[in-house]
Amino acid sequence: MPATIPRILSLSGVAAVMFYLTHVILGGALWEGYSHLMQPISDLTATGAPDRGLLTVFTNIYGLFAVIFCFILIGKVKNNTNGLVLAGAVVFLCMHLVSLSYGLFPEDLPGAEMTIAGMMHLLVTALIVPLTIAAPILTGLGLMKIPAEHGMGVFSLICGVGILILGGITAMMFATGTGMFGLFERLNIGTLQAWTVVMSVWLYRRYPNHAQA
């Protein structure tokens, strides 16, 4: 019998990451001279970026799939785990809902005059950072209380701590204008995306294989 709709939608986390990676790889390939090592990912969809229109389509689809995944995750864990896991899922949803506003508030490219949209972009980022750190940490702490999910809990906690450390390094490099900012930002965001993929597959495996299971 066909797989249940929630089980299929639980893989929306994987789909979201695929669209995110596509926007990063395609954007770098299309922008001659763009440096993945030195430039932030947000430059690709900044005001005045050469392919902002096309790449924004991918980031919007990413956001849509990510929000769908969060709702499916919340629906599954709210009655099957504990409060910490549910809190992590809700925080993750809040992070993605806030990040949807990036489409309205694009970054200002380096050297360009600061705009209201650019200032709002920085504010949105400031709101997203603690949510990005808290989501995997809360989820990890909650899952570690469940013997059968201890391994997933440890993985989530490691991801959360990794995001915290890499985020701190990234912020320091951004503030001082030194080092390979782009590389560490990608390691930071890459950790979040890896956690999303693993959580998506973890969730998929916990739904019944068919509608009558």
C-alpha atoms as a PDB file:
ATOM      1  CA  MET A   1       0.000   0.000   0.000  1.00  0.00           C
ATOM      2  CA  PRO A   2       1.165   3.565  -0.550  1.00  0.00           C
ATOM      3  CA  ALA A   3       3.298   5.296   2.052  1.00  0.00           C
ATOM      4  CA  THR A   4       1.504   7.725   4.319  1.00  0.00           C
ATOM      5  CA  ILE A   5       1.611  11.407   3.386  1.00  0.00           C
ATOM      6  CA  PRO A   6       3.342  12.407   6.657  1.00  0.00           C
ATOM      7  CA  ARG A   7       6.036   9.799   6.017  1.00  0.00           C
ATOM      8  CA  ILE A   8       6.663  11.188   2.531  1.00  0.00           C
ATOM      9  CA  LEU A   9       6.652  14.767   3.815  1.00  0.00           C
ATOM     10  CA  SER A  10       9.147  13.851   6.523  1.00  0.00           C
ATOM     11  CA  LEU A  11      11.731  13.800   3.720  1.00  0.00           C
ATOM     12  CA  SER A  12      11.017  17.464   2.984  1.00  0.00           C
ATOM     13  CA  GLY A  13      14.027  18.196   5.188  1.00  0.00           C
ATOM     14  CA  VAL A  14      16.245  16.401   2.685  1.00  0.00           C
ATOM     15  CA  ALA A  15      14.553  18.231  -0.196  1.00  0.00           C
ATOM     16  CA  ALA A  16      15.104  21.565   1.549  1.00  0.00           C
ATOM     17  CA  VAL A  17      18.831  20.961   1.893  1.00  0.00           C
ATOM     18  CA  MET A  18      19.093  19.926  -1.760  1.00  0.00           C
ATOM     19  CA  PHE A  19      17.592  23.243  -2.860  1.00  0.00           C
ATOM     20  CA  TYR A  20      19.849  25.138  -0.462  1.00  0.00           C
ATOM     21  CA  LEU A  21      22.974  23.431  -1.807  1.00  0.00           C
ATOM     22  CA  THR A  22      21.814  24.047  -5.374  1.00  0.00           C
ATOM     23  CA  HIS A  23      21.499  27.779  -4.737  1.00  0.00           C
ATOM     24  CA  VAL A  24      25.001  27.931  -3.234  1.00  0.00           C
ATOM     25  CA  ILE A  25      26.719  25.845  -5.927  1.00  0.00           C
ATOM     26  CA  LEU A  26      24.822  27.371  -8.849  1.00  0.00           C
ATOM     27  CA  GLY A  27      25.255  30.894  -7.509  1.00  0.00           C
ATOM     28  CA  GLY A  28      28.994  30.497  -7.158  1.00  0.00           C
ATOM     29  CA  ALA A  29      29.278  29.019 -10.651  1.00  0.00           C
ATOM     30  CA  LEU A  30      27.271  31.816 -12.285  1.00  0.00           C
ATOM     31  CA  TRP A  31      29.031  34.695 -10.508  1.00  0.00           C
ATOM     32  CA  GLU A  32      32.455  35.065 -12.092  1.00  0.00           C
ATOM     33  CA  GLY A  33      35.015  35.915  -9.437  1.00  0.00           C
ATOM     34  CA  TYR A  34      32.841  34.884  -6.491  1.00  0.00           C
ATOM     35  CA  SER A  35      34.878  33.275  -3.696  1.00  0.00           C
ATOM     36  CA  HIS A  36      33.345  30.519  -1.563  1.00  0.00           C
ATOM     37  CA  LEU A  37      36.331  30.860   0.765  1.00  0.00           C
ATOM     38  CA  MET A  38      36.064  34.583   1.423  1.00  0.00           C
ATOM     39  CA  GLN A  39      32.465  35.698   0.717  1.00  0.00           C
ATOM     40  CA  PRO A  40      29.294  34.973   2.697  1.00  0.00           C
ATOM     41  CA  ILE A  41      26.542  32.896   1.141  1.00  0.00           C
ATOM     42  CA  SER A  42      24.129  35.812   1.564  1.00  0.00           C
ATOM     43  CA  ASP A  43      26.130  37.771  -1.042  1.00  0.00           C
ATOM     44  CA  LEU A  44      24.541  35.522  -3.668  1.00  0.00           C
ATOM     45  CA  THR A  45      21.066  36.963  -2.983  1.00  0.00           C
ATOM     46  CA  ALA A  46      22.165  40.437  -1.892  1.00  0.00           C
ATOM     47  CA  THR A  47      20.800  43.636  -3.418  1.00  0.00           C
ATOM     48  CA  GLY A  48      22.689  44.061  -6.692  1.00  0.00           C
ATOM     49  CA  ALA A  49      23.925  40.456  -6.853  1.00  0.00           C
ATOM     50  CA  PRO A  50      24.051  39.345 -10.520  1.00  0.00           C
ATOM     51  CA  ASP A  51      21.740  36.346 -10.181  1.00  0.00           C
ATOM     52  CA  ARG A  52      19.644  37.352  -7.171  1.00  0.00           C
ATOM     53  CA  GLY A  53      16.293  36.750  -8.926  1.00  0.00           C
ATOM     54  CA  LEU A  54      17.066  33.175  -9.937  1.00  0.00           C
ATOM     55  CA  LEU A  55      18.724  32.196  -6.671  1.00  0.00           C
ATOM     56  CA  THR A  56      15.929  33.665  -4.561  1.00  0.00           C
ATOM     57  CA  VAL A  57      13.593  31.133  -6.176  1.00  0.00           C
ATOM     58  CA  PHE A  58      15.757  28.325  -4.795  1.00  0.00           C
ATOM     59  CA  THR A  59      16.004  29.869  -1.323  1.00  0.00           C
ATOM     60  CA  ASN A  60      12.239  30.370  -1.192  1.00  0.00           C
ATOM     61  CA  ILE A  61      11.646  26.726  -2.114  1.00  0.00           C
ATOM     62  CA  TYR A  62      14.213  25.753   0.513  1.00  0.00           C
ATOM     63  CA  GLY A  63      12.310  27.748   3.123  1.00  0.00           C
ATOM     64  CA  LEU A  64       8.991  26.187   2.122  1.00  0.00           C
ATOM     65  CA  PHE A  65      10.284  22.615   2.383  1.00  0.00           C
ATOM     66  CA  ALA A  66      12.053  23.412   5.665  1.00  0.00           C
ATOM     67  CA  VAL A  67       8.853  24.761   7.234  1.00  0.00           C
ATOM     68  CA  ILE A  68       6.901  21.705   6.055  1.00  0.00           C
ATOM     69  CA  PHE A  69       9.521  19.454   7.618  1.00  0.00           C
ATOM     70  CA  CYS A  70       9.316  21.336  10.911  1.00  0.00           C
ATOM     71  CA  PHE A  71       5.539  20.923  11.097  1.00  0.00           C
ATOM     72  CA  ILE A  72       5.819  17.189  10.369  1.00  0.00           C
ATOM     73  CA  LEU A  73       8.548  16.886  13.012  1.00  0.00           C
ATOM     74  CA  ILE A  74       6.450  18.675  15.610  1.00  0.00           C
ATOM     75  CA  GLY A  75       3.443  16.513  14.816  1.00  0.00           C
ATOM     76  CA  LYS A  76       5.466  13.334  15.280  1.00  0.00           C
ATOM     77  CA  VAL A  77       7.409  14.178  18.451  1.00  0.00           C
ATOM     78  CA  LYS A  78       4.743  16.000  20.446  1.00  0.00           C
ATOM     79  CA  ASN A  79       3.214  12.759  21.722  1.00  0.00           C
ATOM     80  CA  ASN A  80       6.106  10.355  21.239  1.00  0.00           C
ATOM     81  CA  THR A  81       9.137  11.895  22.967  1.00  0.00           C
ATOM     82  CA  ASN A  82       9.432  14.581  25.640  1.00  0.00           C
ATOM     83  CA  GLY A  83       9.225  18.317  26.164  1.00  0.00           C
ATOM     84  CA  LEU A  84      12.834  19.053  25.244  1.00  0.00           C
ATOM     85  CA  VAL A  85      12.556  17.371  21.844  1.00  0.00           C
ATOM     86  CA  LEU A  86       9.306  19.208  21.178  1.00  0.00           C
ATOM     87  CA  ALA A  87      10.906  22.487  22.254  1.00  0.00           C
ATOM     88  CA  GLY A  88      13.788  21.872  19.860  1.00  0.00           C
ATOM     89  CA  ALA A  89      11.371  21.222  17.000  1.00  0.00           C
ATOM     90  CA  VAL A  90       9.378  24.376  17.779  1.00  0.00           C
ATOM     91  CA  VAL A  91      12.566  26.465  17.960  1.00  0.00           C
ATOM     92  CA  PHE A  92      13.651  24.995  14.623  1.00  0.00           C
ATOM     93  CA  LEU A  93      10.310  26.019  13.117  1.00  0.00           C
ATOM     94  CA  CYS A  94      10.657  29.537  14.519  1.00  0.00           C
ATOM     95  CA  MET A  95      14.130  29.784  13.010  1.00  0.00           C
ATOM     96  CA  HIS A  96      12.867  28.924   9.548  1.00  0.00           C
ATOM     97  CA  LEU A  97       9.813  31.176   9.818  1.00  0.00           C
ATOM     98  CA  VAL A  98      12.058  34.101  10.739  1.00  0.00           C
ATOM     99  CA  SER A  99      14.492  33.227   7.943  1.00  0.00           C
ATOM    100  CA  LEU A 100      11.695  33.535   5.369  1.00  0.00           C
ATOM    101  CA  SER A 101      11.982  37.292   5.859  1.00  0.00           C
ATOM    102  CA  TYR A 102      15.414  37.227   4.199  1.00  0.00           C
ATOM    103  CA  GLY A 103      13.556  37.428   0.908  1.00  0.00           C
ATOM    104  CA  LEU A 104      12.170  40.802   1.982  1.00  0.00           C
ATOM    105  CA  PHE A 105      15.416  42.053   3.500  1.00  0.00           C
ATOM    106  CA  PRO A 106      18.365  41.228   1.227  1.00  0.00           C
ATOM    107  CA  GLU A 107      21.904  41.933   2.343  1.00  0.00           C
ATOM    108  CA  ASP A 108      23.789  44.998   1.114  1.00  0.00           C
ATOM    109  CA  LEU A 109      26.904  44.010  -0.814  1.00  0.00           C
ATOM    110  CA  PRO A 110      30.235  45.091   0.732  1.00  0.00           C
ATOM    111  CA  GLY A 111      31.007  48.688  -0.162  1.00  0.00           C
ATOM    112  CA  ALA A 112      27.393  49.537  -1.015  1.00  0.00           C
ATOM    113  CA  GLU A 113      25.444  52.179   0.860  1.00  0.00           C
ATOM    114  CA  MET A 114      23.568  50.771   3.857  1.00  0.00           C
ATOM    115  CA  THR A 115      19.839  50.424   3.241  1.00  0.00           C
ATOM    116  CA  ILE A 116      16.919  49.763   5.583  1.00  0.00           C
ATOM    117  CA  ALA A 117      16.577  46.312   4.032  1.00  0.00           C
ATOM    118  CA  GLY A 118      20.260  45.665   4.703  1.00  0.00           C
ATOM    119  CA  MET A 119      19.890  46.748   8.334  1.00  0.00           C
ATOM    120  CA  MET A 120      16.883  44.467   8.726  1.00  0.00           C
ATOM    121  CA  HIS A 121      18.916  41.631   7.208  1.00  0.00           C
ATOM    122  CA  LEU A 122      21.450  42.014  10.025  1.00  0.00           C
ATOM    123  CA  LEU A 123      18.659  42.111  12.607  1.00  0.00           C
ATOM    124  CA  VAL A 124      17.064  38.945  11.215  1.00  0.00           C
ATOM    125  CA  THR A 125      20.458  37.236  11.338  1.00  0.00           C
ATOM    126  CA  ALA A 126      20.873  38.261  14.973  1.00  0.00           C
ATOM    127  CA  LEU A 127      17.504  36.668  15.753  1.00  0.00           C
ATOM    128  CA  ILE A 128      18.266  33.486  13.832  1.00  0.00           C
ATOM    129  CA  VAL A 129      21.671  32.743  15.380  1.00  0.00           C
ATOM    130  CA  PRO A 130      20.481  31.744  18.886  1.00  0.00           C
ATOM    131  CA  LEU A 131      17.584  29.750  17.403  1.00  0.00           C
ATOM    132  CA  THR A 132      19.996  27.874  15.135  1.00  0.00           C
ATOM    133  CA  ILE A 133      22.124  26.893  18.118  1.00  0.00           C
ATOM    134  CA  ALA A 134      19.246  26.066  20.451  1.00  0.00           C
ATOM    135  CA  ALA A 135      17.293  23.775  18.103  1.00  0.00           C
ATOM    136  CA  PRO A 136      19.796  20.879  17.861  1.00  0.00           C
ATOM    137  CA  ILE A 137      20.950  21.286  21.467  1.00  0.00           C
ATOM    138  CA  LEU A 138      17.430  21.065  22.903  1.00  0.00           C
ATOM    139  CA  THR A 139      16.584  18.194  20.582  1.00  0.00           C
ATOM    140  CA  GLY A 140      19.777  16.382  21.503  1.00  0.00           C
ATOM    141  CA  LEU A 141      19.273  16.765  25.235  1.00  0.00           C
ATOM    142  CA  GLY A 142      15.728  15.473  24.890  1.00  0.00           C
ATOM    143  CA  LEU A 143      16.628  12.481  22.730  1.00  0.00           C
ATOM    144  CA  MET A 144      19.451  11.496  25.080  1.00  0.00           C
ATOM    145  CA  LYS A 145      16.809  10.883  27.749  1.00  0.00           C
ATOM    146  CA  ILE A 146      15.298   8.173  25.527  1.00  0.00           C
ATOM    147  CA  PRO A 147      17.485   5.027  25.609  1.00  0.00           C
ATOM    148  CA  ALA A 148      16.577   3.959  22.072  1.00  0.00           C
ATOM    149  CA  GLU A 149      17.411   7.440  20.716  1.00  0.00           C
ATOM    150  CA  HIS A 150      20.590   8.107  22.703  1.00  0.00           C
ATOM    151  CA  GLY A 151      22.825   7.969  19.626  1.00  0.00           C
ATOM    152  CA  MET A 152      20.687  10.468  17.743  1.00  0.00           C
ATOM    153  CA  GLY A 153      20.680  12.644  20.819  1.00  0.00           C
ATOM    154  CA  VAL A 154      24.469  12.658  21.000  1.00  0.00           C
ATOM    155  CA  PHE A 155      24.696  13.487  17.288  1.00  0.00           C
ATOM    156  CA  SER A 156      22.247  16.393  17.685  1.00  0.00           C
ATOM    157  CA  LEU A 157      24.124  17.741  20.689  1.00  0.00           C
ATOM    158  CA  ILE A 158      27.459  17.566  18.857  1.00  0.00           C
ATOM    159  CA  CYS A 159      25.911  19.454  15.925  1.00  0.00           C
ATOM    160  CA  GLY A 160      24.552  22.135  18.250  1.00  0.00           C
ATOM    161  CA  VAL A 161      27.896  22.638  19.987  1.00  0.00           C
ATOM    162  CA  GLY A 162      29.639  22.617  16.602  1.00  0.00           C
ATOM    163  CA  ILE A 163      27.310  25.344  15.324  1.00  0.00           C
ATOM    164  CA  LEU A 164      28.014  27.377  18.470  1.00  0.00           C
ATOM    165  CA  ILE A 165      31.797  27.132  18.067  1.00  0.00           C
ATOM    166  CA  LEU A 166      31.887  27.615  14.302  1.00  0.00           C
ATOM    167  CA  GLY A 167      29.385  30.456  14.577  1.00  0.00           C
ATOM    168  CA  GLY A 168      31.622  32.219  17.065  1.00  0.00           C
ATOM    169  CA  ILE A 169      34.638  31.869  14.792  1.00  0.00           C
ATOM    170  CA  THR A 170      32.603  33.084  11.820  1.00  0.00           C
ATOM    171  CA  ALA A 171      31.337  36.125  13.741  1.00  0.00           C
ATOM    172  CA  MET A 172      34.876  36.991  14.849  1.00  0.00           C
ATOM    173  CA  MET A 173      36.168  36.810  11.293  1.00  0.00           C
ATOM    174  CA  PHE A 174      33.283  38.920  10.036  1.00  0.00           C
ATOM    175  CA  ALA A 175      33.882  41.576  12.705  1.00  0.00           C
ATOM    176  CA  THR A 176      37.626  41.782  12.065  1.00  0.00           C
ATOM    177  CA  GLY A 177      37.498  41.278   8.317  1.00  0.00           C
ATOM    178  CA  THR A 178      40.201  38.633   8.536  1.00  0.00           C
ATOM    179  CA  GLY A 179      40.577  34.975   7.654  1.00  0.00           C
ATOM    180  CA  MET A 180      38.534  32.774   5.362  1.00  0.00           C
ATOM    181  CA  PHE A 181      35.125  33.943   6.515  1.00  0.00           C
ATOM    182  CA  GLY A 182      33.290  32.151   3.728  1.00  0.00           C
ATOM    183  CA  LEU A 183      34.844  28.796   4.557  1.00  0.00           C
ATOM    184  CA  PHE A 184      33.922  28.883   8.242  1.00  0.00           C
ATOM    185  CA  GLU A 185      30.425  30.178   7.480  1.00  0.00           C
ATOM    186  CA  ARG A 186      29.926  27.201   5.172  1.00  0.00           C
ATOM    187  CA  LEU A 187      31.207  24.794   7.832  1.00  0.00           C
ATOM    188  CA  ASN A 188      28.767  26.380  10.266  1.00  0.00           C
ATOM    189  CA  ILE A 189      25.740  26.306   7.976  1.00  0.00           C
ATOM    190  CA  GLY A 190      26.832  22.928   6.609  1.00  0.00           C
ATOM    191  CA  THR A 191      26.610  21.481  10.115  1.00  0.00           C
ATOM    192  CA  LEU A 192      23.027  22.709  10.398  1.00  0.00           C
ATOM    193  CA  GLN A 193      22.138  21.276   6.997  1.00  0.00           C
ATOM    194  CA  ALA A 194      23.749  17.928   7.853  1.00  0.00           C
ATOM    195  CA  TRP A 195      21.693  17.802  11.055  1.00  0.00           C
ATOM    196  CA  THR A 196      18.556  18.589   9.054  1.00  0.00           C
ATOM    197  CA  VAL A 197      19.199  15.736   6.616  1.00  0.00           C
ATOM    198  CA  VAL A 198      19.889  13.221   9.386  1.00  0.00           C
ATOM    199  CA  MET A 199      16.809  14.370  11.329  1.00  0.00           C
ATOM    200  CA  SER A 200      14.705  14.086   8.177  1.00  0.00           C
ATOM    201  CA  VAL A 201      15.828  10.495   7.548  1.00  0.00           C
ATOM    202  CA  TRP A 202      15.436   9.691  11.260  1.00  0.00           C
ATOM    203  CA  LEU A 203      11.870  10.981  11.139  1.00  0.00           C
ATOM    204  CA  TYR A 204      11.093   9.097   7.915  1.00  0.00           C
ATOM    205  CA  ARG A 205      12.162   5.811   9.493  1.00  0.00           C
ATOM    206  CA  ARG A 206       9.802   6.366  12.412  1.00  0.00           C
ATOM    207  CA  TYR A 207       6.658   6.557  10.293  1.00  0.00           C
ATOM    208  CA  PRO A 208       4.823   3.388   9.212  1.00  0.00           C
ATOM    209  CA  ASN A 209       5.658   2.090   5.747  1.00  0.00           C
ATOM    210  CA  HIS A 210       2.040   2.138   4.586  1.00  0.00           C
ATOM    211  CA  ALA A 211      -1.284   3.664   5.468  1.00  0.00           C
ATOM    212  CA  GLN A 212      -2.547   0.615   7.351  1.00  0.00           C
ATOM    213  CA  ALA A 213       0.553   0.011   9.492  1.00  0.00           C
END
